[in-house]
Protein backbone atom coordinates (compact mmCIF):
# COMPACT_ATOMS: atom_id res chain seq x y z
CA UNK A 1 1.15 -33.13 39.39
CA UNK A 2 4.42 -31.26 39.12
CA UNK A 3 4.51 -27.62 40.24
CA UNK A 4 5.21 -26.81 36.62
CA UNK A 5 2.87 -28.71 34.30
CA UNK A 6 5.02 -31.00 32.14
CA UNK A 7 3.59 -31.51 28.68
CA UNK A 8 4.27 -33.81 25.76
CA UNK A 9 3.17 -33.04 22.20
CA UNK A 10 2.19 -35.93 19.95
CA UNK A 11 2.30 -34.94 16.31
CA UNK A 12 4.51 -32.12 15.02
CA UNK A 13 2.63 -30.96 11.96
CA UNK A 14 1.24 -27.45 11.55
CA UNK A 15 -0.98 -27.58 14.64
CA UNK A 16 1.39 -29.68 16.72
CA UNK A 17 4.12 -27.09 16.24
CA UNK A 18 1.66 -24.36 17.18
CA UNK A 19 0.70 -26.22 20.36
CA UNK A 20 4.35 -26.63 21.30
CA UNK A 21 5.05 -22.95 20.79
CA UNK A 22 1.98 -21.65 22.61
CA UNK A 23 2.37 -23.96 25.61
CA UNK A 24 6.00 -22.85 25.83
CA UNK A 25 4.64 -19.30 26.23
CA UNK A 26 2.07 -20.26 28.91
CA UNK A 27 3.18 -19.48 32.46
CA UNK A 28 3.41 -22.62 34.57
CA UNK A 29 3.65 -24.97 31.58
CA UNK A 30 6.72 -26.64 30.14
CA UNK A 31 6.92 -28.69 26.96
CA UNK A 32 9.39 -31.47 27.74
CA UNK A 33 8.83 -33.83 24.81
CA UNK A 34 7.70 -33.89 21.18
CA UNK A 35 6.95 -37.08 19.26
CA UNK A 36 6.44 -37.54 15.54
CA UNK A 37 7.08 -40.36 13.09
CA UNK A 38 9.09 -37.82 11.11
CA UNK A 39 11.83 -37.18 13.65
CA UNK A 40 13.15 -34.17 11.76
CA UNK A 41 9.76 -32.51 12.11
CA UNK A 42 9.69 -33.25 15.85
CA UNK A 43 13.14 -31.69 16.17
CA UNK A 44 11.95 -28.44 14.59
CA UNK A 45 9.09 -28.20 17.12
CA UNK A 46 11.19 -29.26 20.11
CA UNK A 47 14.36 -27.23 19.56
CA UNK A 48 13.14 -23.78 20.70
CA UNK A 49 12.21 -25.08 24.17
CA UNK A 50 14.89 -27.75 24.49
CA UNK A 51 12.38 -30.59 24.61
CA UNK A 52 13.30 -34.22 24.07
CA UNK A 53 12.50 -35.74 20.68
CA UNK A 54 10.86 -39.11 20.07
CA UNK A 55 9.96 -41.11 16.97
CA UNK A 56 6.67 -42.32 18.48
CA UNK A 57 4.25 -41.43 21.24
CA UNK A 58 4.70 -44.70 23.15
CA UNK A 59 8.42 -44.06 23.62
CA UNK A 60 7.73 -40.60 24.98
CA UNK A 61 5.16 -41.90 27.45
CA UNK A 62 7.62 -44.46 28.79
CA UNK A 63 10.62 -42.14 28.95
CA UNK A 64 9.20 -38.98 30.50
CA UNK A 65 7.30 -38.00 33.64
CA UNK A 66 4.40 -36.05 32.17
CA UNK A 67 1.29 -34.41 33.55
CA UNK A 68 -0.55 -33.87 30.27
CA UNK A 69 -0.26 -34.36 26.53
CA UNK A 70 -1.46 -32.75 23.34
CA UNK A 71 -2.59 -35.12 20.59
CA UNK A 72 -2.21 -33.39 17.22
CA UNK A 73 -1.87 -36.42 14.98
CA UNK A 74 -3.91 -36.74 11.73
CA UNK A 75 -7.70 -36.90 12.14
CA UNK A 76 -7.96 -40.70 11.91
CA UNK A 77 -5.06 -41.39 14.30
CA UNK A 78 -6.35 -39.98 17.58
CA UNK A 79 -7.63 -43.09 19.35
CA UNK A 80 -4.36 -44.91 20.14
CA UNK A 81 -2.36 -41.95 21.53
CA UNK A 82 -5.35 -40.59 23.49
CA UNK A 83 -6.13 -43.95 25.09
CA UNK A 84 -2.46 -44.66 25.86
CA UNK A 85 -2.08 -41.24 27.48
CA UNK A 86 -5.21 -41.63 29.59
CA UNK A 87 -4.04 -45.07 30.73
CA UNK A 88 -0.80 -43.44 31.85
CA UNK A 89 -2.90 -41.13 34.05
CA UNK A 90 -2.38 -38.03 31.89
CA UNK A 91 -4.76 -35.23 31.01
CA UNK A 92 -5.28 -34.86 27.27
CA UNK A 93 -5.96 -31.97 24.90
CA UNK A 94 -6.85 -33.47 21.51
CA UNK A 95 -7.12 -31.58 18.26
CA UNK A 96 -10.44 -31.52 16.46
CA UNK A 97 -12.07 -33.77 15.40
CA UNK A 98 -12.17 -35.90 18.54
CA UNK A 99 -12.44 -39.03 16.39
CA UNK A 100 -13.51 -40.25 12.97
CA UNK A 101 -16.00 -42.71 14.43
CA UNK A 102 -18.50 -42.45 17.26
CA UNK A 103 -17.21 -45.71 18.73
CA UNK A 104 -13.70 -44.27 19.06
CA UNK A 105 -15.07 -41.06 20.57
CA UNK A 106 -17.12 -42.92 23.15
CA UNK A 107 -14.15 -45.08 24.10
CA UNK A 108 -12.05 -41.99 24.81
CA UNK A 109 -14.80 -40.28 26.82
CA UNK A 110 -15.46 -43.40 28.88
CA UNK A 111 -11.76 -43.90 29.65
CA UNK A 112 -11.31 -40.29 30.76
CA UNK A 113 -14.39 -40.53 33.00
CA UNK A 114 -13.21 -43.79 34.58
CA UNK A 115 -9.89 -42.24 35.47
CA UNK A 116 -11.14 -38.78 36.46
CA UNK A 117 -8.97 -37.06 33.85
CA UNK A 118 -9.53 -34.00 31.68
CA UNK A 119 -10.11 -34.78 28.01
CA UNK A 120 -10.67 -31.58 26.06
CA UNK A 121 -11.20 -31.13 22.32
CA UNK A 122 -9.54 -28.04 20.86
CA UNK A 123 -12.71 -26.42 19.53
CA UNK A 124 -10.89 -23.11 19.84
CA UNK A 125 -13.26 -21.20 17.56
CA UNK A 126 -15.67 -20.68 20.47
CA UNK A 127 -13.21 -18.04 21.70
CA UNK A 128 -12.85 -16.21 18.38
CA UNK A 129 -14.22 -12.71 19.16
CA UNK A 130 -16.59 -12.73 16.16
CA UNK A 131 -18.22 -16.01 17.13
CA UNK A 132 -18.31 -15.15 20.84
CA UNK A 133 -20.11 -11.91 19.98
CA UNK A 134 -22.61 -13.81 17.79
CA UNK A 135 -23.33 -16.15 20.70
CA UNK A 136 -23.92 -13.16 22.99
CA UNK A 137 -26.39 -11.66 20.52
CA UNK A 138 -28.27 -14.94 20.17
CA UNK A 139 -28.49 -15.41 23.93
CA UNK A 140 -29.69 -11.81 24.34
CA UNK A 141 -32.51 -12.42 21.86
CA UNK A 142 -31.24 -9.87 19.34
CA UNK A 143 -32.44 -11.96 16.38
CA UNK A 144 -35.27 -13.72 18.17
CA UNK A 145 -35.37 -17.51 18.17
CA UNK A 146 -32.79 -19.07 15.80
CA UNK A 147 -34.61 -21.08 13.14
CA UNK A 148 -32.02 -21.73 10.40
CA UNK A 149 -28.22 -21.77 10.14
CA UNK A 150 -26.06 -21.78 7.02
CA UNK A 151 -22.46 -22.97 7.29
CA UNK A 152 -20.03 -23.05 4.37
CA UNK A 153 -16.40 -24.14 4.60
CA UNK A 154 -14.33 -24.12 1.40
CA UNK A 155 -10.63 -24.83 0.86
CA UNK A 156 -8.53 -24.72 -2.27
CA UNK A 157 -7.36 -28.03 -3.71
CA UNK A 158 -3.93 -27.23 -2.28
CA UNK A 159 -5.11 -28.55 1.10
CA UNK A 160 -5.95 -32.19 0.18
CA UNK A 161 -3.25 -32.49 -2.50
CA UNK A 162 -0.25 -30.72 -0.95
CA UNK A 163 -0.83 -29.53 2.60
CA UNK A 164 -1.78 -32.91 4.08
CA UNK A 165 -0.84 -36.35 2.86
CA UNK A 166 -3.72 -38.22 4.47
CA UNK A 167 -6.80 -36.65 2.84
CA UNK A 168 -8.06 -40.12 1.84
CA UNK A 169 -8.24 -41.07 5.54
CA UNK A 170 -10.54 -38.23 6.54
CA UNK A 171 -13.45 -36.25 5.10
CA UNK A 172 -14.31 -32.56 4.69
CA UNK A 173 -16.90 -33.27 7.40
CA UNK A 174 -14.05 -33.92 9.86
CA UNK A 175 -11.22 -31.78 8.53
CA UNK A 176 -13.30 -28.70 7.76
CA UNK A 177 -16.75 -28.73 9.40
CA UNK A 178 -15.83 -29.82 12.94
CA UNK A 179 -15.61 -26.28 14.30
CA UNK A 180 -18.88 -25.15 12.71
CA UNK A 181 -20.81 -28.22 13.88
CA UNK A 182 -19.60 -27.44 17.38
CA UNK A 183 -20.43 -23.75 17.02
CA UNK A 184 -23.95 -24.39 15.75
CA UNK A 185 -24.74 -26.75 18.63
CA UNK A 186 -23.35 -24.13 21.01
CA UNK A 187 -25.28 -21.26 19.39
CA UNK A 188 -28.54 -23.21 19.52
CA UNK A 189 -27.97 -25.01 22.83
CA UNK A 190 -29.28 -28.03 20.96
CA UNK A 191 -28.45 -31.47 19.60
CA UNK A 192 -29.03 -32.93 16.16
CA UNK A 193 -32.04 -35.20 15.73
CA UNK A 194 -32.01 -35.95 11.99
CA UNK A 195 -29.37 -35.76 9.26
CA UNK A 196 -29.66 -36.02 5.48
CA UNK A 197 -26.42 -35.71 3.53
CA UNK A 198 -24.86 -36.29 0.15
CA UNK A 199 -21.25 -36.59 -0.92
CA UNK A 200 -19.63 -35.56 -4.19
CA UNK A 201 -16.61 -37.46 -5.56
CA UNK A 202 -14.56 -37.32 -8.73
CA UNK A 203 -12.07 -34.45 -8.78
CA UNK A 204 -9.74 -35.78 -6.10
CA UNK A 205 -10.22 -39.39 -7.16
CA UNK A 206 -9.07 -38.45 -10.66
CA UNK A 207 -5.81 -37.35 -8.99
CA UNK A 208 -5.43 -40.66 -7.16
CA UNK A 209 -6.72 -39.35 -3.82
CA UNK A 210 -9.60 -41.44 -2.46
CA UNK A 211 -11.40 -38.57 -0.77
CA UNK A 212 -14.71 -36.83 -1.26
CA UNK A 213 -14.63 -33.49 -3.06
CA UNK A 214 -17.29 -32.16 -0.73
CA UNK A 215 -20.29 -32.92 1.46
CA UNK A 216 -23.64 -31.19 1.87
CA UNK A 217 -25.73 -32.00 4.94
CA UNK A 218 -29.09 -30.80 6.25
CA UNK A 219 -29.43 -31.20 10.01
CA UNK A 220 -32.51 -30.84 12.21
CA UNK A 221 -32.09 -29.96 15.90
CA UNK A 222 -34.21 -30.63 18.97
CA UNK A 223 -34.71 -26.86 19.34
CA UNK A 224 -36.73 -26.87 16.12
CA UNK A 225 -33.97 -25.17 14.12
CA UNK A 226 -32.33 -26.58 11.01
CA UNK A 227 -28.79 -26.12 9.72
CA UNK A 228 -27.18 -26.59 6.32
CA UNK A 229 -23.50 -27.57 6.32
CA UNK A 230 -21.41 -27.38 3.15
CA UNK A 231 -17.74 -28.40 3.08
CA UNK A 232 -15.55 -28.78 0.00
CA UNK A 233 -11.87 -28.56 -0.80
CA UNK A 234 -11.53 -28.39 -4.58
CA UNK A 235 -11.41 -24.64 -5.20
CA UNK A 236 -8.64 -23.81 -7.73
CA UNK A 237 -5.32 -22.72 -6.24
CA UNK A 238 -5.77 -19.39 -8.04
CA UNK A 239 -8.48 -18.54 -5.48
CA UNK A 240 -7.28 -15.54 -3.41
CA UNK A 241 -7.41 -17.34 -0.04
CA UNK A 242 -6.75 -20.96 0.92
CA UNK A 243 -9.82 -21.08 3.16
CA UNK A 244 -13.19 -19.34 3.06
CA UNK A 245 -15.70 -19.56 5.94
CA UNK A 246 -19.27 -18.31 5.99
CA UNK A 247 -21.69 -18.67 8.88
CA UNK A 248 -25.20 -17.20 9.01
CA UNK A 249 -27.75 -17.59 11.80
CA UNK A 250 -31.31 -16.69 10.82
CA UNK A 251 -33.78 -16.00 13.61
CA UNK A 252 -37.50 -15.29 13.58
CA UNK A 253 -36.67 -11.61 14.26
CA UNK A 254 -33.35 -11.02 12.49
CA UNK A 255 -30.09 -12.57 11.34
CA UNK A 256 -26.34 -12.62 11.91
CA UNK A 257 -23.91 -13.06 9.01
CA UNK A 258 -20.15 -13.65 9.16
CA UNK A 259 -17.54 -14.20 6.44
CA UNK A 260 -13.89 -14.90 7.16
CA UNK A 261 -12.61 -12.72 4.30
CA UNK A 262 -13.50 -9.68 6.38
CA UNK A 263 -13.62 -9.52 10.16
CA UNK A 264 -17.14 -8.17 10.25
CA UNK A 265 -20.47 -9.50 11.48
CA UNK A 266 -23.63 -8.08 9.94
CA UNK A 267 -26.60 -7.99 12.30
CA UNK A 268 -30.08 -7.26 10.93
CA UNK A 269 -33.09 -7.00 13.21
CA UNK A 270 -36.71 -5.87 12.86
CA UNK A 271 -35.65 -2.33 13.78
CA UNK A 272 -32.53 -1.93 11.63
CA UNK A 273 -29.10 -3.23 10.81
CA UNK A 274 -25.51 -2.71 11.84
CA UNK A 275 -22.08 -4.01 10.97
CA UNK A 276 -19.58 -4.75 13.72
CA UNK A 277 -15.90 -4.83 12.77
CA UNK A 278 -13.45 -6.83 14.88
CA UNK A 279 -9.77 -6.14 15.42
CA UNK A 280 -7.03 -7.60 17.57
CA UNK A 281 -6.00 -11.25 17.90
CA UNK A 282 -8.36 -13.72 16.25
CA UNK A 283 -7.24 -17.37 16.33
CA UNK A 284 -3.43 -17.33 16.57
CA UNK A 285 -1.87 -13.96 15.87
CA UNK A 286 1.63 -12.92 16.84
CA UNK A 287 1.70 -9.96 19.22
CA UNK A 288 5.05 -8.85 20.62
CA UNK A 289 6.56 -12.24 19.83
CA UNK A 290 3.73 -14.30 21.38
CA UNK A 291 0.78 -16.09 19.78
CA UNK A 292 -2.49 -14.71 21.11
CA UNK A 293 -6.14 -15.30 20.28
CA UNK A 294 -8.72 -18.05 20.53
CA UNK A 295 -6.16 -20.85 20.24
CA UNK A 296 -4.28 -19.51 23.25
CA UNK A 297 -7.51 -19.10 25.23
CA UNK A 298 -8.45 -22.72 24.53
CA UNK A 299 -5.08 -23.87 25.87
CA UNK A 300 -5.46 -21.63 28.94
CA UNK A 301 -8.86 -23.24 29.55
CA UNK A 302 -7.25 -26.69 29.44
CA UNK A 303 -4.57 -25.61 31.92
CA UNK A 304 -7.18 -24.24 34.30
CA UNK A 305 -9.16 -27.49 34.13
CA UNK A 306 -6.23 -29.77 34.88
CA UNK A 307 -5.31 -27.57 37.84
CA UNK A 308 -8.66 -28.35 39.39
CA UNK A 309 -10.99 -25.96 37.63
CA UNK A 310 -14.38 -26.60 36.10
CA UNK A 311 -14.94 -29.06 33.29
CA UNK A 312 -13.98 -27.34 30.03
CA UNK A 313 -16.91 -26.23 27.86
CA UNK A 314 -15.31 -28.18 25.00
CA UNK A 315 -14.58 -31.34 26.96
CA UNK A 316 -14.97 -34.50 24.92
CA UNK A 317 -17.96 -35.50 27.04
CA UNK A 318 -19.78 -32.21 26.40
CA UNK A 319 -19.03 -32.23 22.66
CA UNK A 320 -19.39 -35.93 21.79
CA UNK A 321 -22.63 -34.96 20.04
CA UNK A 322 -20.43 -33.34 17.36
CA UNK A 323 -18.83 -36.72 16.61
CA UNK A 324 -22.27 -38.34 16.58
CA UNK A 325 -23.52 -35.77 14.07
CA UNK A 326 -20.47 -36.24 11.84
CA UNK A 327 -20.89 -40.01 11.87
CA UNK A 328 -24.54 -39.57 10.89
CA UNK A 329 -23.58 -37.25 8.02
CA UNK A 330 -21.23 -39.83 6.50
CA UNK A 331 -23.68 -42.68 7.05
CA UNK A 332 -26.43 -40.70 5.32
CA UNK A 333 -24.11 -39.77 2.45
CA UNK A 334 -23.21 -43.44 1.99
CA UNK A 335 -26.77 -44.76 2.12
CA UNK A 336 -28.74 -41.86 0.66
CA UNK A 337 -31.13 -42.11 3.60
CA UNK A 338 -31.84 -39.83 6.55
CA UNK A 339 -30.09 -40.85 9.77
CA UNK A 340 -30.97 -40.20 13.40
CA UNK A 341 -27.63 -39.39 15.09
CA UNK A 342 -26.97 -40.96 18.45
CA UNK A 343 -26.47 -37.58 20.10
CA UNK A 344 -28.51 -38.20 23.22
CA UNK A 345 -26.85 -41.51 23.97
CA UNK A 346 -23.52 -39.88 23.17
CA UNK A 347 -23.83 -37.19 25.80
CA UNK A 348 -24.64 -37.54 29.46
CA UNK A 349 -24.25 -33.79 30.11
CA UNK A 350 -26.13 -30.80 28.70
CA UNK A 351 -24.92 -28.91 25.66
CA UNK A 352 -22.91 -25.89 26.79
């Protein structure tokens, strides 16, 4: 590995540009190439750090001496660039979701393991202060044993109709619920054992977009807890925010409740309640010209791992159960039947 970690960014959309910028601000890292099918978009991401521009990932891999890559292509286009990068001997940070099929996810995990390379999924929300504090409270027993979780992710229709042009190639389960499925498994220290889901279609299809309007899934975990996941992206554009997140963990001795519209977590126990307000960087906030927050921490974790540190808590191997749960949700929605996700076969390491 070079003394200065040389990075390539594959995909220069919203998140790809963010990756390029943040890695350019990380000491010891240097973004040397950006690839995107839309060359103009790659140029915008590459110009501030003087990186080379490529029209496709394969050309970048052949032209540059890299140590690691970021894969920030659309949800359904992760397999090819991840596998090509691993086969070039490069460490990989891939945007969530890892994959849109369990088979693709397993292939990536197996290839990284064979080559002894870091493959980390950017489940950056684990480092959001609100969620980290909720995890601390759960582990400390503040609400007793978690028994039920409610997750709701809602976007306005702007997202599937204007923000991304590939909504028909993904699902709200992948585009919206990935972070929460990871968070719930992390909160509970558990894996899904049974999934029952249903999908609603019609609004987007009437606009010529072959995507589900939303998905509701009920998931049982091996800890004995259950979780309800709702994801939909057909709120009217008049809604005051593009995205709304709600996450509630109910224990046998209390509950934790978080909503993204206010940076507060309500905690109610058998002896009383309190509201904790959070300030400072959250996911990616500009502070003195630099982006700080959970996104930056996730990238720092990746850098530490490829420099010989511990396996990242959000490595693809540790979080492949998320992909297994997502696959089970869509299978159940398609068949109308409960599905047992292949979480245990998917993961050879404990949930962490």
